[in-house]
Every structure is written in C-alpha cells, then in structure tokens.
Amino acid sequence: MGESASRGAETQIGICPTVDFVFKLLFGNPKHSRIAIHFLNAILQHLLKVNELVFLNPIQEQETEDDKLSILDILATDEHGRKFIIEMQTSVPAGMGQRLAYYTACQYVDQLYQGQNYASLRPVISICMLTDPLFRKVPELHLHFALRSEAGVILTEDLQIHVLQLSNLRVKEENLRDATPLEQWSYFLLRAEKLTMDEIKRLLPDEVFSEAASVLDVVAKTPEQRRRYEARLKFQRDEAARAITSEEAREQGRLEGIDEGIEKGIEKGIERGELFGRIKTLQGLVGVEESTREELSEYSNEQLRTLSEQLRDQLRNRSA
C-alpha cells in the first residue's frame, strides 16, 4: 500500500539510464563527476581507488539524433594518470570481446611517444555495461579480465577489462540496502525508469543516487533533451530490431542449406537449437526473464516458432 501511495503522489521518472544519450549525461558530465567516481570505485573495489576524474571527451551537443560517434563511450583520466573507458551496450555485436581488447590496447599504445620509456605507460581500464549478456552461460554480474598466468601470477595490471552483465543481477528491492554498491548501481540502471524520485531516495539512500536521479529528471522535464532521448531510444530499438531481422535471414539461409543435404531428424535438431537461441535473445531485448533450456525443451518446434513470433511482434511494437 505504501508503494502504491508513493506512485500515486509522484510520477515515475520515465527515463531509461541505459539509453546512450542519457548514459553519457550521467557518467560523462563534468558537472556530475561524483557520479562517475562513485561508480568506478564500485566496480574497482579493492583494486584501486579513484578520487578525482577529468573527462577527455565530455558530453557535447550533438548535431543529429543518429550521431552515434559523438555520444557512445566515455574517456576519462584520474589523478594518477590512469585512463578509463566507460560504455553502455544494449546489444552484443559480433566480435565484442575483440572490440573491447582492441580499444583498450589502442588507448595504451597511444600514450607512448618516440624515445619514451615503457615504464611511463599508465594503466588503461575498460568498463563495459551490457543489458544483454556477453557470456550467456556465466552467471556472474561482474567479470574482471586481466593479464595473468593460469596460476594467477599477474604480468601487469596496466590492461584491465571489466564487463558488467546487468541481466545477471539477482538483488531484489527488499534486500537492496544490504547489496554492494555495484549491485545498487546495476539496480539503478535497470529500474530507475520505473521509479519515482521518492522511491529512489528510499531504496538507495546514498546521495549519489539522488544526484543521478536528478539528472534523469532534468532530461524528462527539458523539452529539447526529452526529444533527443526519445529519438535515441527509438534509434536503439530500431537497431535492435534490424539486428534480429538480419539474424533471422541468416538462420533461414542456413536452414534452407541444411534442407538440401541433411536428413530431416538432424535438420529439426538444428532448427530447435536455433529457435532456443533466438527466443532467449528476443526475451533479453524485450526485457522479460529468459527461459531456461529445460523450460524451452518442453515446447514443440511449432510452439517455439509461435513464441519467437510473439516476442518479435512485442519488440516491433516497442520500436514503433
């Protein structure tokens, strides 16, 4: 009853923090550097501590709504010269692992000029937040990659990649106050859109979350920023829908090729596996809990195809 009364007294924020335009307003804004510092320390925990942050590509006024290059990632440096790359991805493009390694290595190499000593190189730390998991069979929320031997001997801590798989968050509202700062940030990124300002203050009492919520509130109440947010939201949904359509075309081609030379039983088995993967991908894009393989195994192929079509229609309706 208390929650219903709160929602009745105040409007939900209605702005999703994972939309790239909003994400950079939150974590790449010099006026709100405390937000990014708090988040970085939540990710890095005992590894190192950030006290100051300078943004090397602060938020800029974009010229067009589909100007992806100007607003995607955040590049910053701290008081010790360590570089941070922070980004949000609402889909997992092909070669995501290689892409993360490439951009991290590029920032590392770009530091060294002719005649400089290798000891002058400063660490580069990439942090990628994903609404759709990069490793579907890995249950962890936070994955930390570094250069070390199989026995755990660290070669160097200069190159680090942190992946935050938001869909693996298991913290609920009732135990949110006892969650780690990283779990609280994950909850904020996933749920802030549906919460009111009062609810955020109650559930996440640290002042930094109220500051972050105020940034979302400004976007909601500023016509120009709201227009850009809606345009970026539609753009991201259209991109996700196009990706699904392209994947389905590739799947159809594979199935047609299989039909020409492989026995029916094998074909059905391959189709079934493809349907499992498609349904789980669509569920992630629509924002519903992904079915387990055991649950999907109880469906016939026809039922799986029907479920896939229903999910795709839901995604298209959201993008309309």
C-alpha atoms as a PDB file:
ATOM      1  CA  MET A   1       0.000   0.000   0.000  1.00  0.00           C
ATOM      2  CA  GLY A   2       2.884   2.343   0.831  1.00  0.00           C
ATOM      3  CA  GLU A   3       4.409   1.817  -2.610  1.00  0.00           C
ATOM      4  CA  SER A   4       1.077   2.445  -4.356  1.00  0.00           C
ATOM      5  CA  ALA A   5       0.562   5.650  -2.401  1.00  0.00           C
ATOM      6  CA  SER A   6       4.052   6.821  -3.327  1.00  0.00           C
ATOM      7  CA  ARG A   7       3.466   6.165  -7.029  1.00  0.00           C
ATOM      8  CA  GLY A   8       0.171   7.996  -6.832  1.00  0.00           C
ATOM      9  CA  ALA A   9       1.763  11.046  -5.242  1.00  0.00           C
ATOM     10  CA  GLU A  10       4.678  11.309  -7.648  1.00  0.00           C
ATOM     11  CA  THR A  11       5.244  10.406 -11.274  1.00  0.00           C
ATOM     12  CA  GLN A  12       7.748   7.788 -12.329  1.00  0.00           C
ATOM     13  CA  ILE A  13      10.926   9.270 -13.771  1.00  0.00           C
ATOM     14  CA  GLY A  14      10.265   7.652 -17.132  1.00  0.00           C
ATOM     15  CA  ILE A  15      13.848   7.968 -18.441  1.00  0.00           C
ATOM     16  CA  CYS A  16      15.957   4.852 -19.019  1.00  0.00           C
ATOM     17  CA  PRO A  17      19.604   5.329 -17.936  1.00  0.00           C
ATOM     18  CA  THR A  18      20.861   2.718 -20.428  1.00  0.00           C
ATOM     19  CA  VAL A  19      19.944   4.863 -23.462  1.00  0.00           C
ATOM     20  CA  ASP A  20      23.342   6.109 -24.660  1.00  0.00           C
ATOM     21  CA  PHE A  21      22.447   9.830 -24.687  1.00  0.00           C
ATOM     22  CA  VAL A  22      21.310   9.666 -21.054  1.00  0.00           C
ATOM     23  CA  PHE A  23      24.134   7.335 -20.039  1.00  0.00           C
ATOM     24  CA  LYS A  24      26.741   9.879 -21.079  1.00  0.00           C
ATOM     25  CA  LEU A  25      24.856  12.696 -19.337  1.00  0.00           C
ATOM     26  CA  LEU A  26      25.113  10.582 -16.188  1.00  0.00           C
ATOM     27  CA  PHE A  27      28.673   9.252 -16.351  1.00  0.00           C
ATOM     28  CA  GLY A  28      30.441  11.671 -18.707  1.00  0.00           C
ATOM     29  CA  ASN A  29      29.323  15.023 -17.315  1.00  0.00           C
ATOM     30  CA  PRO A  30      31.969  17.201 -15.580  1.00  0.00           C
ATOM     31  CA  LYS A  31      29.167  18.843 -13.575  1.00  0.00           C
ATOM     32  CA  HIS A  32      28.366  15.478 -12.023  1.00  0.00           C
ATOM     33  CA  SER A  33      31.802  13.838 -11.846  1.00  0.00           C
ATOM     34  CA  ARG A  34      30.931  12.441  -8.398  1.00  0.00           C
ATOM     35  CA  ILE A  35      28.538  10.011 -10.108  1.00  0.00           C
ATOM     36  CA  ALA A  36      31.254   8.513 -12.315  1.00  0.00           C
ATOM     37  CA  ILE A  37      33.782   8.425  -9.443  1.00  0.00           C
ATOM     38  CA  HIS A  38      31.352   6.563  -7.183  1.00  0.00           C
ATOM     39  CA  PHE A  39      30.516   4.101  -9.963  1.00  0.00           C
ATOM     40  CA  LEU A  40      34.179   3.451 -10.827  1.00  0.00           C
ATOM     41  CA  ASN A  41      35.011   2.751  -7.198  1.00  0.00           C
ATOM     42  CA  ALA A  42      32.039   0.377  -7.021  1.00  0.00           C
ATOM     43  CA  ILE A  43      33.459  -1.550  -9.993  1.00  0.00           C
ATOM     44  CA  LEU A  44      37.126  -1.499  -8.956  1.00  0.00           C
ATOM     45  CA  GLN A  45      36.571  -2.098  -5.211  1.00  0.00           C
ATOM     46  CA  HIS A  46      39.877  -3.234  -3.661  1.00  0.00           C
ATOM     47  CA  LEU A  47      41.895  -2.960  -6.909  1.00  0.00           C
ATOM     48  CA  LEU A  48      42.390   0.809  -6.774  1.00  0.00           C
ATOM     49  CA  LYS A  49      40.598   3.979  -5.711  1.00  0.00           C
ATOM     50  CA  VAL A  50      39.624   7.000  -7.796  1.00  0.00           C
ATOM     51  CA  ASN A  51      39.376  10.380  -6.066  1.00  0.00           C
ATOM     52  CA  GLU A  52      39.397  12.803  -8.996  1.00  0.00           C
ATOM     53  CA  LEU A  53      38.324  12.462 -12.608  1.00  0.00           C
ATOM     54  CA  VAL A  54      38.837  14.562 -15.740  1.00  0.00           C
ATOM     55  CA  PHE A  55      36.727  13.784 -18.805  1.00  0.00           C
ATOM     56  CA  LEU A  56      38.712  13.736 -22.042  1.00  0.00           C
ATOM     57  CA  ASN A  57      35.570  13.650 -24.234  1.00  0.00           C
ATOM     58  CA  PRO A  58      32.850  15.355 -22.175  1.00  0.00           C
ATOM     59  CA  ILE A  59      29.234  15.399 -23.323  1.00  0.00           C
ATOM     60  CA  GLN A  60      28.789  17.559 -26.421  1.00  0.00           C
ATOM     61  CA  GLU A  61      25.739  18.986 -28.110  1.00  0.00           C
ATOM     62  CA  GLN A  62      25.084  16.557 -30.937  1.00  0.00           C
ATOM     63  CA  GLU A  63      24.069  17.799 -34.364  1.00  0.00           C
ATOM     64  CA  THR A  64      21.731  14.936 -35.239  1.00  0.00           C
ATOM     65  CA  GLU A  65      19.846  12.285 -33.290  1.00  0.00           C
ATOM     66  CA  ASP A  66      21.637   9.433 -35.084  1.00  0.00           C
ATOM     67  CA  ASP A  67      25.135  10.850 -34.497  1.00  0.00           C
ATOM     68  CA  LYS A  68      26.409   7.699 -32.781  1.00  0.00           C
ATOM     69  CA  LEU A  69      30.080   8.591 -32.756  1.00  0.00           C
ATOM     70  CA  SER A  70      29.714  11.689 -30.590  1.00  0.00           C
ATOM     71  CA  ILE A  71      27.993  10.115 -27.619  1.00  0.00           C
ATOM     72  CA  LEU A  72      28.782   6.433 -27.231  1.00  0.00           C
ATOM     73  CA  ASP A  73      31.790   5.932 -24.975  1.00  0.00           C
ATOM     74  CA  ILE A  74      33.285   7.952 -22.129  1.00  0.00           C
ATOM     75  CA  LEU A  75      37.017   8.544 -21.830  1.00  0.00           C
ATOM     76  CA  ALA A  76      38.419   9.897 -18.577  1.00  0.00           C
ATOM     77  CA  THR A  77      41.632  10.046 -16.576  1.00  0.00           C
ATOM     78  CA  ASP A  78      42.167  10.165 -12.808  1.00  0.00           C
ATOM     79  CA  GLU A  79      44.660  11.907 -10.549  1.00  0.00           C
ATOM     80  CA  HIS A  80      47.276   9.200 -11.208  1.00  0.00           C
ATOM     81  CA  GLY A  81      47.024   9.410 -14.995  1.00  0.00           C
ATOM     82  CA  ARG A  82      45.109   6.145 -15.292  1.00  0.00           C
ATOM     83  CA  LYS A  83      42.695   6.100 -18.223  1.00  0.00           C
ATOM     84  CA  PHE A  84      39.135   4.799 -18.076  1.00  0.00           C
ATOM     85  CA  ILE A  85      36.868   3.836 -20.959  1.00  0.00           C
ATOM     86  CA  ILE A  86      33.224   3.543 -19.893  1.00  0.00           C
ATOM     87  CA  GLU A  87      30.476   2.408 -22.241  1.00  0.00           C
ATOM     88  CA  MET A  88      26.963   1.017 -22.334  1.00  0.00           C
ATOM     89  CA  GLN A  89      25.811  -1.555 -24.873  1.00  0.00           C
ATOM     90  CA  THR A  90      22.170  -2.565 -25.286  1.00  0.00           C
ATOM     91  CA  SER A  91      23.136  -5.337 -27.710  1.00  0.00           C
ATOM     92  CA  VAL A  92      26.165  -7.572 -28.190  1.00  0.00           C
ATOM     93  CA  PRO A  93      27.638  -7.115 -31.677  1.00  0.00           C
ATOM     94  CA  ALA A  94      29.801  -9.782 -33.298  1.00  0.00           C
ATOM     95  CA  GLY A  95      33.408  -9.663 -32.108  1.00  0.00           C
ATOM     96  CA  MET A  96      32.562  -7.851 -28.877  1.00  0.00           C
ATOM     97  CA  GLY A  97      35.469  -9.436 -26.982  1.00  0.00           C
ATOM     98  CA  GLN A  98      37.963  -8.450 -29.668  1.00  0.00           C
ATOM     99  CA  ARG A  99      36.489  -4.953 -29.829  1.00  0.00           C
ATOM    100  CA  LEU A 100      36.988  -4.423 -26.093  1.00  0.00           C
ATOM    101  CA  ALA A 101      40.566  -5.701 -26.290  1.00  0.00           C
ATOM    102  CA  TYR A 102      41.324  -3.520 -29.334  1.00  0.00           C
ATOM    103  CA  TYR A 103      40.103  -0.219 -27.868  1.00  0.00           C
ATOM    104  CA  THR A 104      41.815  -0.879 -24.555  1.00  0.00           C
ATOM    105  CA  ALA A 105      45.104  -1.670 -26.318  1.00  0.00           C
ATOM    106  CA  CYS A 106      44.787   1.404 -28.554  1.00  0.00           C
ATOM    107  CA  GLN A 107      44.485   3.745 -25.574  1.00  0.00           C
ATOM    108  CA  TYR A 108      47.513   2.048 -24.014  1.00  0.00           C
ATOM    109  CA  VAL A 109      49.696   2.264 -27.138  1.00  0.00           C
ATOM    110  CA  ASP A 110      48.732   5.880 -27.861  1.00  0.00           C
ATOM    111  CA  GLN A 111      50.441   7.004 -24.647  1.00  0.00           C
ATOM    112  CA  LEU A 112      53.959   6.115 -25.812  1.00  0.00           C
ATOM    113  CA  TYR A 113      55.875   8.568 -27.965  1.00  0.00           C
ATOM    114  CA  GLN A 114      59.264   8.052 -29.609  1.00  0.00           C
ATOM    115  CA  GLY A 115      62.060   7.966 -27.049  1.00  0.00           C
ATOM    116  CA  GLN A 116      59.794   7.398 -24.074  1.00  0.00           C
ATOM    117  CA  ASN A 117      60.388   4.589 -21.610  1.00  0.00           C
ATOM    118  CA  TYR A 118      57.833   1.785 -21.263  1.00  0.00           C
ATOM    119  CA  ALA A 119      57.742   2.485 -17.527  1.00  0.00           C
ATOM    120  CA  SER A 120      55.949   5.754 -18.291  1.00  0.00           C
ATOM    121  CA  LEU A 121      52.862   3.893 -19.514  1.00  0.00           C
ATOM    122  CA  ARG A 122      49.803   4.326 -17.307  1.00  0.00           C
ATOM    123  CA  PRO A 123      47.040   1.730 -16.815  1.00  0.00           C
ATOM    124  CA  VAL A 124      44.027   1.670 -19.118  1.00  0.00           C
ATOM    125  CA  ILE A 125      40.824   0.221 -17.689  1.00  0.00           C
ATOM    126  CA  SER A 126      37.790  -0.514 -19.855  1.00  0.00           C
ATOM    127  CA  ILE A 127      34.354  -0.901 -18.316  1.00  0.00           C
ATOM    128  CA  CYS A 128      31.533  -2.186 -20.493  1.00  0.00           C
ATOM    129  CA  MET A 129      27.980  -2.480 -19.229  1.00  0.00           C
ATOM    130  CA  LEU A 130      25.694  -4.828 -21.132  1.00  0.00           C
ATOM    131  CA  THR A 131      21.931  -5.227 -20.892  1.00  0.00           C
ATOM    132  CA  ASP A 132      22.298  -8.481 -22.871  1.00  0.00           C
ATOM    133  CA  PRO A 133      24.958 -10.907 -21.561  1.00  0.00           C
ATOM    134  CA  LEU A 134      28.197 -11.450 -23.450  1.00  0.00           C
ATOM    135  CA  PHE A 135      28.604 -14.868 -21.791  1.00  0.00           C
ATOM    136  CA  ARG A 136      25.172 -16.460 -21.516  1.00  0.00           C
ATOM    137  CA  LYS A 137      26.315 -19.463 -19.523  1.00  0.00           C
ATOM    138  CA  VAL A 138      28.231 -17.388 -16.965  1.00  0.00           C
ATOM    139  CA  PRO A 139      26.020 -16.304 -14.022  1.00  0.00           C
ATOM    140  CA  GLU A 140      28.304 -13.596 -12.620  1.00  0.00           C
ATOM    141  CA  LEU A 141      27.213  -9.968 -12.689  1.00  0.00           C
ATOM    142  CA  HIS A 142      30.788  -8.630 -12.836  1.00  0.00           C
ATOM    143  CA  LEU A 143      33.627 -10.170 -14.848  1.00  0.00           C
ATOM    144  CA  HIS A 144      37.200  -8.880 -14.499  1.00  0.00           C
ATOM    145  CA  PHE A 145      39.762  -9.666 -17.212  1.00  0.00           C
ATOM    146  CA  ALA A 146      43.497  -9.000 -16.791  1.00  0.00           C
ATOM    147  CA  LEU A 147      46.897 -10.289 -17.968  1.00  0.00           C
ATOM    148  CA  ARG A 148      47.869 -13.123 -15.657  1.00  0.00           C
ATOM    149  CA  SER A 149      49.094 -16.711 -15.831  1.00  0.00           C
ATOM    150  CA  GLU A 150      46.931 -19.773 -15.270  1.00  0.00           C
ATOM    151  CA  ALA A 151      48.348 -19.934 -11.740  1.00  0.00           C
ATOM    152  CA  GLY A 152      47.220 -16.346 -11.105  1.00  0.00           C
ATOM    153  CA  VAL A 153      50.619 -14.644 -11.467  1.00  0.00           C
ATOM    154  CA  ILE A 154      49.992 -11.080 -12.681  1.00  0.00           C
ATOM    155  CA  LEU A 155      52.091  -9.964 -15.649  1.00  0.00           C
ATOM    156  CA  THR A 156      50.825  -6.377 -15.424  1.00  0.00           C
ATOM    157  CA  GLU A 157      47.732  -4.596 -14.135  1.00  0.00           C
ATOM    158  CA  ASP A 158      48.035  -1.945 -16.836  1.00  0.00           C
ATOM    159  CA  LEU A 159      45.384  -3.532 -19.056  1.00  0.00           C
ATOM    160  CA  GLN A 160      42.043  -4.385 -17.481  1.00  0.00           C
ATOM    161  CA  ILE A 161      38.605  -5.038 -18.926  1.00  0.00           C
ATOM    162  CA  HIS A 162      35.533  -5.149 -16.702  1.00  0.00           C
ATOM    163  CA  VAL A 163      32.240  -6.478 -18.085  1.00  0.00           C
ATOM    164  CA  LEU A 164      29.026  -5.839 -16.163  1.00  0.00           C
ATOM    165  CA  GLN A 165      26.264  -8.227 -17.281  1.00  0.00           C
ATOM    166  CA  LEU A 166      23.231  -6.354 -15.937  1.00  0.00           C
ATOM    167  CA  SER A 167      20.777  -9.146 -16.750  1.00  0.00           C
ATOM    168  CA  ASN A 168      22.533 -11.313 -14.148  1.00  0.00           C
ATOM    169  CA  LEU A 169      21.531  -9.026 -11.274  1.00  0.00           C
ATOM    170  CA  ARG A 170      19.732 -11.080  -8.618  1.00  0.00           C
ATOM    171  CA  VAL A 171      19.208  -8.412  -5.957  1.00  0.00           C
ATOM    172  CA  LYS A 172      15.569  -7.627  -5.142  1.00  0.00           C
ATOM    173  CA  GLU A 173      14.010  -4.467  -3.723  1.00  0.00           C
ATOM    174  CA  GLU A 174      13.664  -5.935  -0.235  1.00  0.00           C
ATOM    175  CA  ASN A 175      17.423  -6.565   0.174  1.00  0.00           C
ATOM    176  CA  LEU A 176      18.707  -3.637  -1.871  1.00  0.00           C
ATOM    177  CA  ARG A 177      20.001  -1.715   1.158  1.00  0.00           C
ATOM    178  CA  ASP A 178      22.301  -4.633   2.022  1.00  0.00           C
ATOM    179  CA  ALA A 179      23.580  -5.003  -1.557  1.00  0.00           C
ATOM    180  CA  THR A 180      27.052  -3.979  -2.697  1.00  0.00           C
ATOM    181  CA  PRO A 181      27.472  -0.539  -4.322  1.00  0.00           C
ATOM    182  CA  LEU A 182      27.929  -2.261  -7.686  1.00  0.00           C
ATOM    183  CA  GLU A 183      24.681  -4.188  -7.260  1.00  0.00           C
ATOM    184  CA  GLN A 184      22.941  -0.958  -6.285  1.00  0.00           C
ATOM    185  CA  TRP A 185      24.229   0.772  -9.426  1.00  0.00           C
ATOM    186  CA  SER A 186      23.071  -2.166 -11.529  1.00  0.00           C
ATOM    187  CA  TYR A 187      19.629  -1.937  -9.943  1.00  0.00           C
ATOM    188  CA  PHE A 188      19.525   1.810 -10.643  1.00  0.00           C
ATOM    189  CA  LEU A 189      20.454   1.343 -14.305  1.00  0.00           C
ATOM    190  CA  LEU A 190      17.808  -1.332 -14.779  1.00  0.00           C
ATOM    191  CA  ARG A 191      14.971   0.044 -12.648  1.00  0.00           C
ATOM    192  CA  ALA A 192      15.266   3.852 -12.300  1.00  0.00           C
ATOM    193  CA  GLU A 193      12.953   4.460 -15.258  1.00  0.00           C
ATOM    194  CA  LYS A 194      10.022   2.879 -13.368  1.00  0.00           C
ATOM    195  CA  LEU A 195      10.730   4.530 -10.005  1.00  0.00           C
ATOM    196  CA  THR A 196       9.800   7.914  -8.571  1.00  0.00           C
ATOM    197  CA  MET A 197      12.321  10.303  -7.037  1.00  0.00           C
ATOM    198  CA  ASP A 198      10.998   9.468  -3.559  1.00  0.00           C
ATOM    199  CA  GLU A 199      11.376   5.739  -4.165  1.00  0.00           C
ATOM    200  CA  ILE A 200      14.984   6.144  -5.284  1.00  0.00           C
ATOM    201  CA  LYS A 201      15.770   8.091  -2.112  1.00  0.00           C
ATOM    202  CA  ARG A 202      14.133   5.371  -0.032  1.00  0.00           C
ATOM    203  CA  LEU A 203      15.652   2.374  -1.787  1.00  0.00           C
ATOM    204  CA  LEU A 204      19.087   3.894  -2.478  1.00  0.00           C
ATOM    205  CA  PRO A 205      19.781   6.338   0.360  1.00  0.00           C
ATOM    206  CA  ASP A 206      23.323   7.248  -0.764  1.00  0.00           C
ATOM    207  CA  GLU A 207      23.125  10.851  -2.033  1.00  0.00           C
ATOM    208  CA  VAL A 208      24.927   9.971  -5.252  1.00  0.00           C
ATOM    209  CA  PHE A 209      21.868   8.039  -6.466  1.00  0.00           C
ATOM    210  CA  SER A 210      19.630  11.032  -5.783  1.00  0.00           C
ATOM    211  CA  GLU A 211      22.053  13.144  -7.804  1.00  0.00           C
ATOM    212  CA  ALA A 212      21.909  10.603 -10.636  1.00  0.00           C
ATOM    213  CA  ALA A 213      18.111  10.554 -10.458  1.00  0.00           C
ATOM    214  CA  SER A 214      18.048  14.355 -10.682  1.00  0.00           C
ATOM    215  CA  VAL A 215      19.950  14.129 -13.982  1.00  0.00           C
ATOM    216  CA  LEU A 216      17.237  11.804 -15.320  1.00  0.00           C
ATOM    217  CA  ASP A 217      14.557  14.150 -14.013  1.00  0.00           C
ATOM    218  CA  VAL A 218      16.106  17.085 -15.888  1.00  0.00           C
ATOM    219  CA  VAL A 219      16.033  15.067 -19.122  1.00  0.00           C
ATOM    220  CA  ALA A 220      12.376  14.215 -18.504  1.00  0.00           C
ATOM    221  CA  LYS A 221      11.405  17.848 -17.892  1.00  0.00           C
ATOM    222  CA  THR A 222      13.560  19.604 -20.518  1.00  0.00           C
ATOM    223  CA  PRO A 223      11.769  19.501 -23.896  1.00  0.00           C
ATOM    224  CA  GLU A 224      14.925  19.515 -26.053  1.00  0.00           C
ATOM    225  CA  GLN A 225      16.663  16.811 -24.012  1.00  0.00           C
ATOM    226  CA  ARG A 226      13.462  14.781 -23.863  1.00  0.00           C
ATOM    227  CA  ARG A 227      13.162  14.981 -27.652  1.00  0.00           C
ATOM    228  CA  ARG A 228      16.737  13.768 -28.094  1.00  0.00           C
ATOM    229  CA  TYR A 229      16.180  10.987 -25.580  1.00  0.00           C
ATOM    230  CA  GLU A 230      13.085   9.753 -27.431  1.00  0.00           C
ATOM    231  CA  ALA A 231      14.960   9.887 -30.740  1.00  0.00           C
ATOM    232  CA  ARG A 232      17.891   7.896 -29.361  1.00  0.00           C
ATOM    233  CA  LEU A 233      15.555   5.388 -27.694  1.00  0.00           C
ATOM    234  CA  LYS A 234      13.762   4.791 -30.986  1.00  0.00           C
ATOM    235  CA  PHE A 235      17.085   4.562 -32.833  1.00  0.00           C
ATOM    236  CA  GLN A 236      18.403   1.910 -30.435  1.00  0.00           C
ATOM    237  CA  ARG A 237      15.186  -0.098 -30.669  1.00  0.00           C
ATOM    238  CA  ASP A 238      15.219   0.099 -34.466  1.00  0.00           C
ATOM    239  CA  GLU A 239      18.838  -1.077 -34.494  1.00  0.00           C
ATOM    240  CA  ALA A 240      17.951  -3.990 -32.233  1.00  0.00           C
ATOM    241  CA  ALA A 241      15.001  -4.938 -34.450  1.00  0.00           C
ATOM    242  CA  ARG A 242      17.192  -4.764 -37.578  1.00  0.00           C
ATOM    243  CA  ALA A 243      19.787  -6.972 -35.915  1.00  0.00           C
ATOM    244  CA  ILE A 244      17.136  -9.568 -35.132  1.00  0.00           C
ATOM    245  CA  THR A 245      15.817  -9.432 -38.709  1.00  0.00           C
ATOM    246  CA  SER A 246      19.333  -9.893 -40.144  1.00  0.00           C
ATOM    247  CA  GLU A 247      19.995 -12.802 -37.822  1.00  0.00           C
ATOM    248  CA  GLU A 248      16.729 -14.432 -38.838  1.00  0.00           C
ATOM    249  CA  ALA A 249      17.670 -14.065 -42.519  1.00  0.00           C
ATOM    250  CA  ARG A 250      20.992 -15.787 -41.857  1.00  0.00           C
ATOM    251  CA  GLU A 251      19.228 -18.517 -39.914  1.00  0.00           C
ATOM    252  CA  GLN A 252      16.761 -19.030 -42.756  1.00  0.00           C
ATOM    253  CA  GLY A 253      19.617 -19.371 -45.220  1.00  0.00           C
ATOM    254  CA  ARG A 254      21.306 -21.946 -43.026  1.00  0.00           C
ATOM    255  CA  LEU A 255      18.086 -23.895 -42.665  1.00  0.00           C
ATOM    256  CA  GLU A 256      17.499 -23.877 -46.421  1.00  0.00           C
ATOM    257  CA  GLY A 257      21.019 -25.163 -46.993  1.00  0.00           C
ATOM    258  CA  ILE A 258      20.523 -27.874 -44.405  1.00  0.00           C
ATOM    259  CA  ASP A 259      17.264 -28.906 -46.068  1.00  0.00           C
ATOM    260  CA  GLU A 260      19.076 -29.773 -49.290  1.00  0.00           C
ATOM    261  CA  GLY A 261      21.541 -32.283 -47.989  1.00  0.00           C
ATOM    262  CA  ILE A 262      20.858 -33.361 -44.413  1.00  0.00           C
ATOM    263  CA  GLU A 263      18.355 -35.806 -43.035  1.00  0.00           C
ATOM    264  CA  LYS A 264      15.132 -34.470 -41.531  1.00  0.00           C
ATOM    265  CA  GLY A 265      15.917 -35.547 -37.995  1.00  0.00           C
ATOM    266  CA  ILE A 266      19.198 -33.627 -37.971  1.00  0.00           C
ATOM    267  CA  GLU A 267      17.532 -30.613 -39.573  1.00  0.00           C
ATOM    268  CA  LYS A 268      14.882 -30.483 -36.868  1.00  0.00           C
ATOM    269  CA  GLY A 269      17.505 -30.741 -34.155  1.00  0.00           C
ATOM    270  CA  ILE A 270      19.500 -27.849 -35.627  1.00  0.00           C
ATOM    271  CA  GLU A 271      16.351 -25.763 -36.101  1.00  0.00           C
ATOM    272  CA  ARG A 272      15.387 -26.418 -32.500  1.00  0.00           C
ATOM    273  CA  GLY A 273      18.755 -25.189 -31.264  1.00  0.00           C
ATOM    274  CA  GLU A 274      18.471 -22.057 -33.433  1.00  0.00           C
ATOM    275  CA  LEU A 275      14.984 -21.391 -32.052  1.00  0.00           C
ATOM    276  CA  PHE A 276      16.280 -21.682 -28.473  1.00  0.00           C
ATOM    277  CA  GLY A 277      18.942 -19.051 -29.159  1.00  0.00           C
ATOM    278  CA  ARG A 278      16.556 -16.718 -30.995  1.00  0.00           C
ATOM    279  CA  ILE A 279      13.948 -16.833 -28.220  1.00  0.00           C
ATOM    280  CA  LYS A 280      16.496 -16.107 -25.480  1.00  0.00           C
ATOM    281  CA  THR A 281      17.896 -13.165 -27.498  1.00  0.00           C
ATOM    282  CA  LEU A 282      14.424 -11.716 -28.088  1.00  0.00           C
ATOM    283  CA  GLN A 283      13.484 -12.136 -24.424  1.00  0.00           C
ATOM    284  CA  GLY A 284      16.571 -10.143 -23.471  1.00  0.00           C
ATOM    285  CA  LEU A 285      15.684  -7.339 -25.924  1.00  0.00           C
ATOM    286  CA  VAL A 286      12.049  -7.190 -24.806  1.00  0.00           C
ATOM    287  CA  GLY A 287      13.113  -7.143 -21.166  1.00  0.00           C
ATOM    288  CA  VAL A 288      11.493 -10.322 -19.858  1.00  0.00           C
ATOM    289  CA  GLU A 289      13.180 -13.088 -17.879  1.00  0.00           C
ATOM    290  CA  GLU A 290      14.978 -15.523 -20.154  1.00  0.00           C
ATOM    291  CA  SER A 291      13.656 -19.094 -20.265  1.00  0.00           C
ATOM    292  CA  THR A 292      15.999 -21.894 -19.292  1.00  0.00           C
ATOM    293  CA  ARG A 293      16.903 -24.623 -21.789  1.00  0.00           C
ATOM    294  CA  GLU A 294      14.916 -27.092 -19.687  1.00  0.00           C
ATOM    295  CA  GLU A 295      11.796 -24.914 -19.929  1.00  0.00           C
ATOM    296  CA  LEU A 296      12.129 -24.487 -23.699  1.00  0.00           C
ATOM    297  CA  SER A 297      12.699 -28.227 -24.155  1.00  0.00           C
ATOM    298  CA  GLU A 298       9.086 -28.846 -23.124  1.00  0.00           C
ATOM    299  CA  TYR A 299       7.817 -26.984 -26.231  1.00  0.00           C
ATOM    300  CA  SER A 300       7.334 -28.463 -29.699  1.00  0.00           C
ATOM    301  CA  ASN A 301       9.099 -26.789 -32.631  1.00  0.00           C
ATOM    302  CA  GLU A 302       5.797 -25.241 -33.714  1.00  0.00           C
ATOM    303  CA  GLN A 303       5.248 -23.800 -30.230  1.00  0.00           C
ATOM    304  CA  LEU A 304       8.797 -22.443 -30.225  1.00  0.00           C
ATOM    305  CA  ARG A 305       8.219 -20.718 -33.580  1.00  0.00           C
ATOM    306  CA  THR A 306       4.969 -19.202 -32.271  1.00  0.00           C
ATOM    307  CA  LEU A 307       6.721 -17.907 -29.139  1.00  0.00           C
ATOM    308  CA  SER A 308       9.507 -16.424 -31.292  1.00  0.00           C
ATOM    309  CA  GLU A 309       6.953 -14.602 -33.471  1.00  0.00           C
ATOM    310  CA  GLN A 310       5.128 -13.234 -30.413  1.00  0.00           C
ATOM    311  CA  LEU A 311       8.368 -11.874 -28.945  1.00  0.00           C
ATOM    312  CA  ARG A 312       9.383 -10.320 -32.245  1.00  0.00           C
ATOM    313  CA  ASP A 313       5.975  -8.587 -32.505  1.00  0.00           C
ATOM    314  CA  GLN A 314       6.452  -7.192 -28.989  1.00  0.00           C
ATOM    315  CA  LEU A 315       9.856  -5.795 -29.969  1.00  0.00           C
ATOM    316  CA  ARG A 316       8.474  -4.222 -33.139  1.00  0.00           C
ATOM    317  CA  ASN A 317       5.588  -2.627 -31.233  1.00  0.00           C
ATOM    318  CA  ARG A 318       8.083  -1.086 -28.772  1.00  0.00           C
ATOM    319  CA  SER A 319      10.100   0.299 -31.674  1.00  0.00           C
ATOM    320  CA  ALA A 320       7.040   1.767 -33.426  1.00  0.00           C
END
